[in-house]
C-alpha cells in the first residue's frame, strides 16, 4: 500500500486507537504499508507510549451481552453489531441482543455457527438477524461469540453494553467473580498469568524492547545476544502490567489480583473472555 492509498479515515482510526499524533500515525501506516497492527508496533518501537491494542475492534457500534446458565457452569458473551450508535442505544436493539444471548444459553451453543442455526422465537437466529436488518435499514450481524465452561462462571457487562466479560473460577464465589470481571473490563489483561501468555505475544514484546534499546546511545555496539538477554529481564514489567494475577487489584492497589484471590479462599482463575466494541 502506498502513501497515496492511506486515507484520512485510516489515520484517524490509528489516532483513536493509540492517541499518537496525526503525522506520526500517517508515517506509521506508510512505513508498514497500511498494516494497522504493525503500525501500532512501529509507533511503540519509536518509544511512543501507546496502548498495545489487541484486536477488540470487530464492531464499531452495537451491544455486547454476557450471560451465564442458571447453575453458573457455562457463560456466553455475544457482540451484535450495527452501524450507528443511534441504533445501538435503542432499547429495542438492546432487547434484540438479549434475545440472541438467551438463545445461545437455551440451545447450549458452542460456536457462532451453532448460534446462527439455533432456534429463537419460532425462527433461526440467522433469520431473526436478517429480519432486523430489513426493519431498521442498517447492516447488523453477530460479530463475536465466546463461551466458558468452568466450576463457576461469572459474567459482567460494562459501559452501557460496550464490554462483556466472562470469568471461569475454580469454585463458586460470586463476589470474586464480579471483582475480577470488573478488573478485566478495566485493564484488559492479555492472559491469566505469565505462563499463559501466547508465545507470539512474548516475542512481539521482546522485539519492541530490543528495538528501543538499539536507539539508546548507551547501548550502542552491544551484541544482539546481550540485548536479547536484557529484554528477557525487562519482560517482568510487561507481565506485571499485562497479566491478570500480577496486576494491581483495582479495588486495593496495595495488593495484586493474585493476592486477592489467595485471601478469598485460594480461588483460581481457569480462563477469561473479554469482548469489547472498538
C-alpha atoms as a PDB file:
ATOM      1  CA  UNK A   1       0.000   0.000   0.000  1.00  0.00           C
ATOM      2  CA  UNK A   2       1.465   3.389  -0.970  1.00  0.00           C
ATOM      3  CA  UNK A   3       1.141   6.650   0.923  1.00  0.00           C
ATOM      4  CA  UNK A   4      -1.496   7.804  -1.567  1.00  0.00           C
ATOM      5  CA  UNK A   5      -3.804   4.918  -0.653  1.00  0.00           C
ATOM      6  CA  UNK A   6      -3.724   5.616   3.088  1.00  0.00           C
ATOM      7  CA  UNK A   7      -6.907   7.510   3.778  1.00  0.00           C
ATOM      8  CA  UNK A   8      -7.713  10.108   6.402  1.00  0.00           C
ATOM      9  CA  UNK A   9     -10.057   7.514   7.925  1.00  0.00           C
ATOM     10  CA  UNK A  10      -7.139   5.087   8.323  1.00  0.00           C
ATOM     11  CA  UNK A  11      -5.064   7.750  10.048  1.00  0.00           C
ATOM     12  CA  UNK A  12      -7.943   8.751  12.319  1.00  0.00           C
ATOM     13  CA  UNK A  13      -8.573   5.116  13.258  1.00  0.00           C
ATOM     14  CA  UNK A  14      -4.938   4.735  14.331  1.00  0.00           C
ATOM     15  CA  UNK A  15      -5.093   8.022  16.258  1.00  0.00           C
ATOM     16  CA  UNK A  16      -8.207   6.877  18.094  1.00  0.00           C
ATOM     17  CA  UNK A  17      -6.613   3.556  18.992  1.00  0.00           C
ATOM     18  CA  UNK A  18      -3.224   4.887  20.101  1.00  0.00           C
ATOM     19  CA  UNK A  19      -3.523   8.572  20.955  1.00  0.00           C
ATOM     20  CA  UNK A  20      -0.486   9.288  18.743  1.00  0.00           C
ATOM     21  CA  UNK A  21      -0.273  12.456  16.615  1.00  0.00           C
ATOM     22  CA  UNK A  22      -1.676  12.654  13.094  1.00  0.00           C
ATOM     23  CA  UNK A  23       1.704  12.909  11.357  1.00  0.00           C
ATOM     24  CA  UNK A  24       3.124  10.059  13.410  1.00  0.00           C
ATOM     25  CA  UNK A  25       0.121   7.910  12.522  1.00  0.00           C
ATOM     26  CA  UNK A  26       0.491   8.747   8.843  1.00  0.00           C
ATOM     27  CA  UNK A  27       4.181   7.810   8.923  1.00  0.00           C
ATOM     28  CA  UNK A  28       3.493   4.615  10.854  1.00  0.00           C
ATOM     29  CA  UNK A  29       0.930   3.476   8.287  1.00  0.00           C
ATOM     30  CA  UNK A  30       3.243   4.453   5.436  1.00  0.00           C
ATOM     31  CA  UNK A  31       6.185   2.559   6.912  1.00  0.00           C
ATOM     32  CA  UNK A  32       4.053  -0.563   7.431  1.00  0.00           C
ATOM     33  CA  UNK A  33       2.156  -0.459   4.129  1.00  0.00           C
ATOM     34  CA  UNK A  34      -1.120   0.223   5.906  1.00  0.00           C
ATOM     35  CA  UNK A  35      -0.950  -2.749   8.296  1.00  0.00           C
ATOM     36  CA  UNK A  36      -2.839  -1.458  11.344  1.00  0.00           C
ATOM     37  CA  UNK A  37      -1.351  -3.794  13.973  1.00  0.00           C
ATOM     38  CA  UNK A  38       2.161  -3.378  12.530  1.00  0.00           C
ATOM     39  CA  UNK A  39       1.682   0.407  12.636  1.00  0.00           C
ATOM     40  CA  UNK A  40       0.962   0.196  16.372  1.00  0.00           C
ATOM     41  CA  UNK A  41       4.180  -1.761  16.849  1.00  0.00           C
ATOM     42  CA  UNK A  42       6.072   0.782  14.711  1.00  0.00           C
ATOM     43  CA  UNK A  43       4.895   3.615  16.964  1.00  0.00           C
ATOM     44  CA  UNK A  44       5.898   1.683  20.081  1.00  0.00           C
ATOM     45  CA  UNK A  45       9.332   0.988  18.612  1.00  0.00           C
ATOM     46  CA  UNK A  46       9.794   4.744  18.261  1.00  0.00           C
ATOM     47  CA  UNK A  47       9.309   4.985  22.014  1.00  0.00           C
ATOM     48  CA  UNK A  48       5.774   6.323  21.896  1.00  0.00           C
ATOM     49  CA  UNK A  49       3.581   5.475  24.882  1.00  0.00           C
ATOM     50  CA  UNK A  50       0.688   3.936  23.024  1.00  0.00           C
ATOM     51  CA  UNK A  51      -1.619   1.136  24.039  1.00  0.00           C
ATOM     52  CA  UNK A  52      -0.727  -2.372  22.892  1.00  0.00           C
ATOM     53  CA  UNK A  53      -4.165  -2.810  21.358  1.00  0.00           C
ATOM     54  CA  UNK A  54      -5.251  -6.394  20.782  1.00  0.00           C
ATOM     55  CA  UNK A  55      -7.918  -6.655  18.105  1.00  0.00           C
ATOM     56  CA  UNK A  56     -11.087  -5.966  20.017  1.00  0.00           C
ATOM     57  CA  UNK A  57     -12.299  -3.713  17.205  1.00  0.00           C
ATOM     58  CA  UNK A  58     -14.601  -6.146  15.437  1.00  0.00           C
ATOM     59  CA  UNK A  59     -17.612  -3.850  15.673  1.00  0.00           C
ATOM     60  CA  UNK A  60     -17.798  -0.089  15.658  1.00  0.00           C
ATOM     61  CA  UNK A  61     -21.239   0.052  17.274  1.00  0.00           C
ATOM     62  CA  UNK A  62     -23.639  -2.462  18.773  1.00  0.00           C
ATOM     63  CA  UNK A  63     -24.225  -4.236  22.050  1.00  0.00           C
ATOM     64  CA  UNK A  64     -22.219  -6.820  23.958  1.00  0.00           C
ATOM     65  CA  UNK A  65     -24.241  -9.201  26.138  1.00  0.00           C
ATOM     66  CA  UNK A  66     -22.697 -11.589  28.681  1.00  0.00           C
ATOM     67  CA  UNK A  67     -24.835 -14.247  30.378  1.00  0.00           C
ATOM     68  CA  UNK A  68     -24.488 -17.467  32.342  1.00  0.00           C
ATOM     69  CA  UNK A  69     -26.643 -20.531  32.796  1.00  0.00           C
ATOM     70  CA  UNK A  70     -28.752 -20.733  35.959  1.00  0.00           C
ATOM     71  CA  UNK A  71     -26.169 -23.005  37.606  1.00  0.00           C
ATOM     72  CA  UNK A  72     -23.266 -20.724  36.591  1.00  0.00           C
ATOM     73  CA  UNK A  73     -21.419 -23.630  34.980  1.00  0.00           C
ATOM     74  CA  UNK A  74     -21.443 -22.069  31.496  1.00  0.00           C
ATOM     75  CA  UNK A  75     -21.177 -18.497  30.295  1.00  0.00           C
ATOM     76  CA  UNK A  76     -21.508 -16.897  26.877  1.00  0.00           C
ATOM     77  CA  UNK A  77     -20.809 -13.450  25.503  1.00  0.00           C
ATOM     78  CA  UNK A  78     -22.097 -12.195  22.166  1.00  0.00           C
ATOM     79  CA  UNK A  79     -21.484  -9.000  20.222  1.00  0.00           C
ATOM     80  CA  UNK A  80     -24.355  -7.879  17.994  1.00  0.00           C
ATOM     81  CA  UNK A  81     -23.017  -5.119  15.772  1.00  0.00           C
ATOM     82  CA  UNK A  82     -24.671  -2.288  13.923  1.00  0.00           C
ATOM     83  CA  UNK A  83     -23.548   0.807  12.048  1.00  0.00           C
ATOM     84  CA  UNK A  84     -24.613   3.695  14.291  1.00  0.00           C
ATOM     85  CA  UNK A  85     -24.902   4.497  17.974  1.00  0.00           C
ATOM     86  CA  UNK A  86     -28.440   5.713  17.295  1.00  0.00           C
ATOM     87  CA  UNK A  87     -29.433   2.082  16.732  1.00  0.00           C
ATOM     88  CA  UNK A  88     -27.158   0.562  19.398  1.00  0.00           C
ATOM     89  CA  UNK A  89     -28.615   2.792  22.121  1.00  0.00           C
ATOM     90  CA  UNK A  90     -32.191   1.980  21.170  1.00  0.00           C
ATOM     91  CA  UNK A  91     -33.953  -0.150  23.791  1.00  0.00           C
ATOM     92  CA  UNK A  92     -35.389  -2.423  21.087  1.00  0.00           C
ATOM     93  CA  UNK A  93     -31.907  -3.209  19.768  1.00  0.00           C
ATOM     94  CA  UNK A  94     -30.614  -3.960  23.273  1.00  0.00           C
ATOM     95  CA  UNK A  95     -33.606  -6.272  23.770  1.00  0.00           C
ATOM     96  CA  UNK A  96     -32.762  -7.932  20.443  1.00  0.00           C
ATOM     97  CA  UNK A  97     -29.234  -8.594  21.720  1.00  0.00           C
ATOM     98  CA  UNK A  98     -30.715 -10.148  24.847  1.00  0.00           C
ATOM     99  CA  UNK A  99     -32.882 -12.464  22.728  1.00  0.00           C
ATOM    100  CA  UNK A 100     -29.788 -13.712  20.885  1.00  0.00           C
ATOM    101  CA  UNK A 101     -27.858 -14.220  24.125  1.00  0.00           C
ATOM    102  CA  UNK A 102     -30.819 -16.087  25.632  1.00  0.00           C
ATOM    103  CA  UNK A 103     -30.933 -18.304  22.539  1.00  0.00           C
ATOM    104  CA  UNK A 104     -27.254 -19.131  22.993  1.00  0.00           C
ATOM    105  CA  UNK A 105     -27.890 -20.190  26.579  1.00  0.00           C
ATOM    106  CA  UNK A 106     -31.141 -22.058  25.879  1.00  0.00           C
ATOM    107  CA  UNK A 107     -29.638 -24.005  22.972  1.00  0.00           C
ATOM    108  CA  UNK A 108     -26.283 -24.697  24.670  1.00  0.00           C
ATOM    109  CA  UNK A 109     -24.424 -23.418  21.606  1.00  0.00           C
ATOM    110  CA  UNK A 110     -20.670 -23.788  21.357  1.00  0.00           C
ATOM    111  CA  UNK A 111     -19.837 -21.700  18.279  1.00  0.00           C
ATOM    112  CA  UNK A 112     -21.033 -18.774  16.204  1.00  0.00           C
ATOM    113  CA  UNK A 113     -22.256 -21.152  13.500  1.00  0.00           C
ATOM    114  CA  UNK A 114     -24.327 -23.061  16.052  1.00  0.00           C
ATOM    115  CA  UNK A 115     -25.749 -19.785  17.338  1.00  0.00           C
ATOM    116  CA  UNK A 116     -26.850 -18.656  13.883  1.00  0.00           C
ATOM    117  CA  UNK A 117     -28.612 -22.002  13.393  1.00  0.00           C
ATOM    118  CA  UNK A 118     -30.203 -22.005  16.866  1.00  0.00           C
ATOM    119  CA  UNK A 119     -33.942 -21.519  17.322  1.00  0.00           C
ATOM    120  CA  UNK A 120     -35.357 -18.356  18.877  1.00  0.00           C
ATOM    121  CA  UNK A 121     -38.920 -17.042  18.805  1.00  0.00           C
ATOM    122  CA  UNK A 122     -40.001 -19.616  16.222  1.00  0.00           C
ATOM    123  CA  UNK A 123     -37.187 -18.891  13.783  1.00  0.00           C
ATOM    124  CA  UNK A 124     -33.445 -19.329  13.465  1.00  0.00           C
ATOM    125  CA  UNK A 125     -31.179 -16.662  14.897  1.00  0.00           C
ATOM    126  CA  UNK A 126     -29.804 -16.012  11.393  1.00  0.00           C
ATOM    127  CA  UNK A 127     -33.315 -15.315  10.121  1.00  0.00           C
ATOM    128  CA  UNK A 128     -34.015 -13.023  13.073  1.00  0.00           C
ATOM    129  CA  UNK A 129     -30.889 -11.052  12.213  1.00  0.00           C
ATOM    130  CA  UNK A 130     -31.973 -10.728   8.579  1.00  0.00           C
ATOM    131  CA  UNK A 131     -35.433  -9.613   9.631  1.00  0.00           C
ATOM    132  CA  UNK A 132     -33.976  -6.997  11.965  1.00  0.00           C
ATOM    133  CA  UNK A 133     -31.658  -5.782   9.224  1.00  0.00           C
ATOM    134  CA  UNK A 134     -34.621  -5.300   6.915  1.00  0.00           C
ATOM    135  CA  UNK A 135     -36.684  -3.493   9.553  1.00  0.00           C
ATOM    136  CA  UNK A 136     -34.061  -0.952  10.633  1.00  0.00           C
ATOM    137  CA  UNK A 137     -32.340  -0.480   7.266  1.00  0.00           C
ATOM    138  CA  UNK A 138     -28.875  -0.820   8.742  1.00  0.00           C
ATOM    139  CA  UNK A 139     -26.289  -3.577   8.449  1.00  0.00           C
ATOM    140  CA  UNK A 140     -26.213  -5.709  11.582  1.00  0.00           C
ATOM    141  CA  UNK A 141     -24.690  -9.048  12.495  1.00  0.00           C
ATOM    142  CA  UNK A 142     -23.372 -11.265  15.259  1.00  0.00           C
ATOM    143  CA  UNK A 143     -19.674 -10.496  15.046  1.00  0.00           C
ATOM    144  CA  UNK A 144     -18.326 -12.250  18.141  1.00  0.00           C
ATOM    145  CA  UNK A 145     -19.202 -15.264  20.249  1.00  0.00           C
ATOM    146  CA  UNK A 146     -17.268 -16.630  23.216  1.00  0.00           C
ATOM    147  CA  UNK A 147     -18.031 -19.370  25.731  1.00  0.00           C
ATOM    148  CA  UNK A 148     -16.545 -20.585  29.008  1.00  0.00           C
ATOM    149  CA  UNK A 149     -17.286 -23.780  30.925  1.00  0.00           C
ATOM    150  CA  UNK A 150     -15.942 -23.978  34.487  1.00  0.00           C
ATOM    151  CA  UNK A 151     -16.917 -24.998  38.024  1.00  0.00           C
ATOM    152  CA  UNK A 152     -18.246 -21.438  38.357  1.00  0.00           C
ATOM    153  CA  UNK A 153     -18.601 -18.753  35.687  1.00  0.00           C
ATOM    154  CA  UNK A 154     -19.247 -15.089  36.418  1.00  0.00           C
ATOM    155  CA  UNK A 155     -20.479 -12.618  33.800  1.00  0.00           C
ATOM    156  CA  UNK A 156     -20.270  -8.851  33.719  1.00  0.00           C
ATOM    157  CA  UNK A 157     -21.442  -6.126  31.321  1.00  0.00           C
ATOM    158  CA  UNK A 158     -19.726  -2.763  31.463  1.00  0.00           C
ATOM    159  CA  UNK A 159     -20.321   0.663  29.954  1.00  0.00           C
ATOM    160  CA  UNK A 160     -23.838   0.511  28.521  1.00  0.00           C
ATOM    161  CA  UNK A 161     -23.299  -2.859  26.814  1.00  0.00           C
ATOM    162  CA  UNK A 162     -19.920  -1.899  25.317  1.00  0.00           C
ATOM    163  CA  UNK A 163     -17.800  -4.536  27.109  1.00  0.00           C
ATOM    164  CA  UNK A 164     -18.761  -8.051  28.161  1.00  0.00           C
ATOM    165  CA  UNK A 165     -16.600 -10.260  30.390  1.00  0.00           C
ATOM    166  CA  UNK A 166     -16.718 -13.919  31.405  1.00  0.00           C
ATOM    167  CA  UNK A 167     -14.528 -15.316  34.179  1.00  0.00           C
ATOM    168  CA  UNK A 168     -14.105 -19.018  34.911  1.00  0.00           C
ATOM    169  CA  UNK A 169     -13.376 -19.811  38.567  1.00  0.00           C
ATOM    170  CA  UNK A 170     -12.214 -22.996  40.245  1.00  0.00           C
ATOM    171  CA  UNK A 171     -15.077 -22.777  42.749  1.00  0.00           C
ATOM    172  CA  UNK A 172     -18.183 -20.760  43.456  1.00  0.00           C
ATOM    173  CA  UNK A 173     -17.638 -17.165  44.521  1.00  0.00           C
ATOM    174  CA  UNK A 174     -19.984 -14.538  43.103  1.00  0.00           C
ATOM    175  CA  UNK A 175     -18.132 -11.662  44.764  1.00  0.00           C
ATOM    176  CA  UNK A 176     -14.717 -12.731  43.489  1.00  0.00           C
ATOM    177  CA  UNK A 177     -16.157 -13.337  40.030  1.00  0.00           C
ATOM    178  CA  UNK A 178     -17.615  -9.833  39.869  1.00  0.00           C
ATOM    179  CA  UNK A 179     -14.467  -8.168  41.218  1.00  0.00           C
ATOM    180  CA  UNK A 180     -12.192  -9.985  38.770  1.00  0.00           C
ATOM    181  CA  UNK A 181     -14.551  -9.366  35.848  1.00  0.00           C
ATOM    182  CA  UNK A 182     -14.517  -5.636  36.619  1.00  0.00           C
ATOM    183  CA  UNK A 183     -10.703  -5.782  36.729  1.00  0.00           C
ATOM    184  CA  UNK A 184     -10.609  -7.432  33.306  1.00  0.00           C
ATOM    185  CA  UNK A 185     -13.044  -4.906  31.840  1.00  0.00           C
ATOM    186  CA  UNK A 186     -10.955  -2.008  33.134  1.00  0.00           C
ATOM    187  CA  UNK A 187      -7.385  -3.186  32.477  1.00  0.00           C
ATOM    188  CA  UNK A 188      -7.750  -5.676  29.604  1.00  0.00           C
ATOM    189  CA  UNK A 189      -5.018  -8.191  30.550  1.00  0.00           C
ATOM    190  CA  UNK A 190      -3.575 -10.410  27.830  1.00  0.00           C
ATOM    191  CA  UNK A 191      -3.662 -13.622  29.879  1.00  0.00           C
ATOM    192  CA  UNK A 192      -4.321 -15.055  33.341  1.00  0.00           C
ATOM    193  CA  UNK A 193      -0.624 -15.225  34.247  1.00  0.00           C
ATOM    194  CA  UNK A 194       2.839 -15.132  32.682  1.00  0.00           C
ATOM    195  CA  UNK A 195       2.786 -18.861  31.910  1.00  0.00           C
ATOM    196  CA  UNK A 196      -0.350 -18.475  29.785  1.00  0.00           C
ATOM    197  CA  UNK A 197       0.796 -15.538  27.636  1.00  0.00           C
ATOM    198  CA  UNK A 198       0.929 -16.722  23.990  1.00  0.00           C
ATOM    199  CA  UNK A 199       4.437 -17.182  22.625  1.00  0.00           C
ATOM    200  CA  UNK A 200       3.823 -14.791  19.731  1.00  0.00           C
ATOM    201  CA  UNK A 201       2.824 -12.015  22.156  1.00  0.00           C
ATOM    202  CA  UNK A 202       6.024 -12.529  24.182  1.00  0.00           C
ATOM    203  CA  UNK A 203       8.123 -12.483  21.009  1.00  0.00           C
ATOM    204  CA  UNK A 204       6.425  -9.289  19.861  1.00  0.00           C
ATOM    205  CA  UNK A 205       7.101  -7.508  23.167  1.00  0.00           C
ATOM    206  CA  UNK A 206      10.740  -8.628  23.264  1.00  0.00           C
ATOM    207  CA  UNK A 207      11.234  -7.344  19.725  1.00  0.00           C
ATOM    208  CA  UNK A 208       9.879  -3.924  20.705  1.00  0.00           C
ATOM    209  CA  UNK A 209      12.138  -3.790  23.795  1.00  0.00           C
ATOM    210  CA  UNK A 210      15.206  -4.691  21.707  1.00  0.00           C
ATOM    211  CA  UNK A 211      14.395  -2.040  19.089  1.00  0.00           C
ATOM    212  CA  UNK A 212      14.071   0.616  21.797  1.00  0.00           C
ATOM    213  CA  UNK A 213      17.409  -0.397  23.329  1.00  0.00           C
ATOM    214  CA  UNK A 214      19.106  -0.144  19.936  1.00  0.00           C
ATOM    215  CA  UNK A 215      18.040   3.505  19.801  1.00  0.00           C
ATOM    216  CA  UNK A 216      19.651   4.191  23.191  1.00  0.00           C
ATOM    217  CA  UNK A 217      23.208   5.608  22.743  1.00  0.00           C
ATOM    218  CA  UNK A 218      24.262   3.857  25.948  1.00  0.00           C
ATOM    219  CA  UNK A 219      23.518   0.509  24.300  1.00  0.00           C
ATOM    220  CA  UNK A 220      25.402   1.257  21.066  1.00  0.00           C
ATOM    221  CA  UNK A 221      27.569  -1.620  19.921  1.00  0.00           C
ATOM    222  CA  UNK A 222      26.070  -4.149  22.298  1.00  0.00           C
ATOM    223  CA  UNK A 223      25.753  -7.596  20.669  1.00  0.00           C
ATOM    224  CA  UNK A 224      22.278  -8.871  19.832  1.00  0.00           C
ATOM    225  CA  UNK A 225      22.692 -11.767  22.268  1.00  0.00           C
ATOM    226  CA  UNK A 226      23.196  -9.328  25.140  1.00  0.00           C
ATOM    227  CA  UNK A 227      20.229  -7.204  24.078  1.00  0.00           C
ATOM    228  CA  UNK A 228      18.053 -10.308  23.920  1.00  0.00           C
ATOM    229  CA  UNK A 229      19.110 -11.293  27.450  1.00  0.00           C
ATOM    230  CA  UNK A 230      18.360  -7.799  28.770  1.00  0.00           C
ATOM    231  CA  UNK A 231      14.994  -7.853  27.014  1.00  0.00           C
ATOM    232  CA  UNK A 232      14.225 -11.124  28.763  1.00  0.00           C
ATOM    233  CA  UNK A 233      14.768  -9.426  32.102  1.00  0.00           C
ATOM    234  CA  UNK A 234      12.669  -6.419  31.156  1.00  0.00           C
ATOM    235  CA  UNK A 235       9.684  -8.651  30.368  1.00  0.00           C
ATOM    236  CA  UNK A 236       8.900  -8.694  34.096  1.00  0.00           C
ATOM    237  CA  UNK A 237       7.362  -5.226  33.808  1.00  0.00           C
ATOM    238  CA  UNK A 238       5.196  -6.387  30.911  1.00  0.00           C
ATOM    239  CA  UNK A 239       3.925  -9.402  32.837  1.00  0.00           C
ATOM    240  CA  UNK A 240       3.152  -7.236  35.868  1.00  0.00           C
ATOM    241  CA  UNK A 241       1.100  -4.798  33.818  1.00  0.00           C
ATOM    242  CA  UNK A 242      -0.498  -7.153  31.326  1.00  0.00           C
ATOM    243  CA  UNK A 243      -1.272 -10.437  33.132  1.00  0.00           C
ATOM    244  CA  UNK A 244      -4.318 -10.661  35.353  1.00  0.00           C
ATOM    245  CA  UNK A 245      -2.960 -12.202  38.543  1.00  0.00           C
ATOM    246  CA  UNK A 246       0.100  -9.923  38.588  1.00  0.00           C
ATOM    247  CA  UNK A 247      -1.833  -6.694  38.043  1.00  0.00           C
ATOM    248  CA  UNK A 248      -2.503  -4.340  40.940  1.00  0.00           C
ATOM    249  CA  UNK A 249      -6.030  -5.009  42.194  1.00  0.00           C
ATOM    250  CA  UNK A 250      -8.250  -2.097  41.108  1.00  0.00           C
ATOM    251  CA  UNK A 251     -10.163  -2.078  44.399  1.00  0.00           C
ATOM    252  CA  UNK A 252      -6.985  -2.097  46.524  1.00  0.00           C
ATOM    253  CA  UNK A 253      -3.741  -1.226  44.751  1.00  0.00           C
ATOM    254  CA  UNK A 254      -1.687  -2.377  47.745  1.00  0.00           C
ATOM    255  CA  UNK A 255      -2.199  -5.977  46.615  1.00  0.00           C
ATOM    256  CA  UNK A 256      -2.162  -7.881  43.352  1.00  0.00           C
ATOM    257  CA  UNK A 257      -5.126  -9.756  41.937  1.00  0.00           C
ATOM    258  CA  UNK A 258      -3.257 -12.945  42.823  1.00  0.00           C
ATOM    259  CA  UNK A 259      -3.024 -11.816  46.439  1.00  0.00           C
ATOM    260  CA  UNK A 260      -6.737 -11.039  46.472  1.00  0.00           C
ATOM    261  CA  UNK A 261      -7.559 -14.494  45.104  1.00  0.00           C
ATOM    262  CA  UNK A 262      -5.489 -16.197  47.810  1.00  0.00           C
ATOM    263  CA  UNK A 263      -7.147 -14.127  50.529  1.00  0.00           C
ATOM    264  CA  UNK A 264     -10.553 -15.095  49.116  1.00  0.00           C
ATOM    265  CA  UNK A 265     -10.140 -18.813  49.716  1.00  0.00           C
ATOM    266  CA  UNK A 266      -7.401 -19.505  47.153  1.00  0.00           C
ATOM    267  CA  UNK A 267      -9.783 -19.185  44.200  1.00  0.00           C
ATOM    268  CA  UNK A 268      -8.149 -19.988  40.837  1.00  0.00           C
ATOM    269  CA  UNK A 269      -8.977 -18.324  37.519  1.00  0.00           C
ATOM    270  CA  UNK A 270      -9.349 -21.031  34.877  1.00  0.00           C
ATOM    271  CA  UNK A 271      -9.775 -18.613  31.962  1.00  0.00           C
ATOM    272  CA  UNK A 272     -11.486 -15.403  30.955  1.00  0.00           C
ATOM    273  CA  UNK A 273     -13.010 -13.801  27.878  1.00  0.00           C
ATOM    274  CA  UNK A 274     -13.336 -10.084  27.206  1.00  0.00           C
ATOM    275  CA  UNK A 275     -15.301  -8.736  24.247  1.00  0.00           C
ATOM    276  CA  UNK A 276     -15.428  -5.006  23.555  1.00  0.00           C
ATOM    277  CA  UNK A 277     -16.802  -2.690  20.943  1.00  0.00           C
ATOM    278  CA  UNK A 278     -13.957  -0.816  19.289  1.00  0.00           C
END
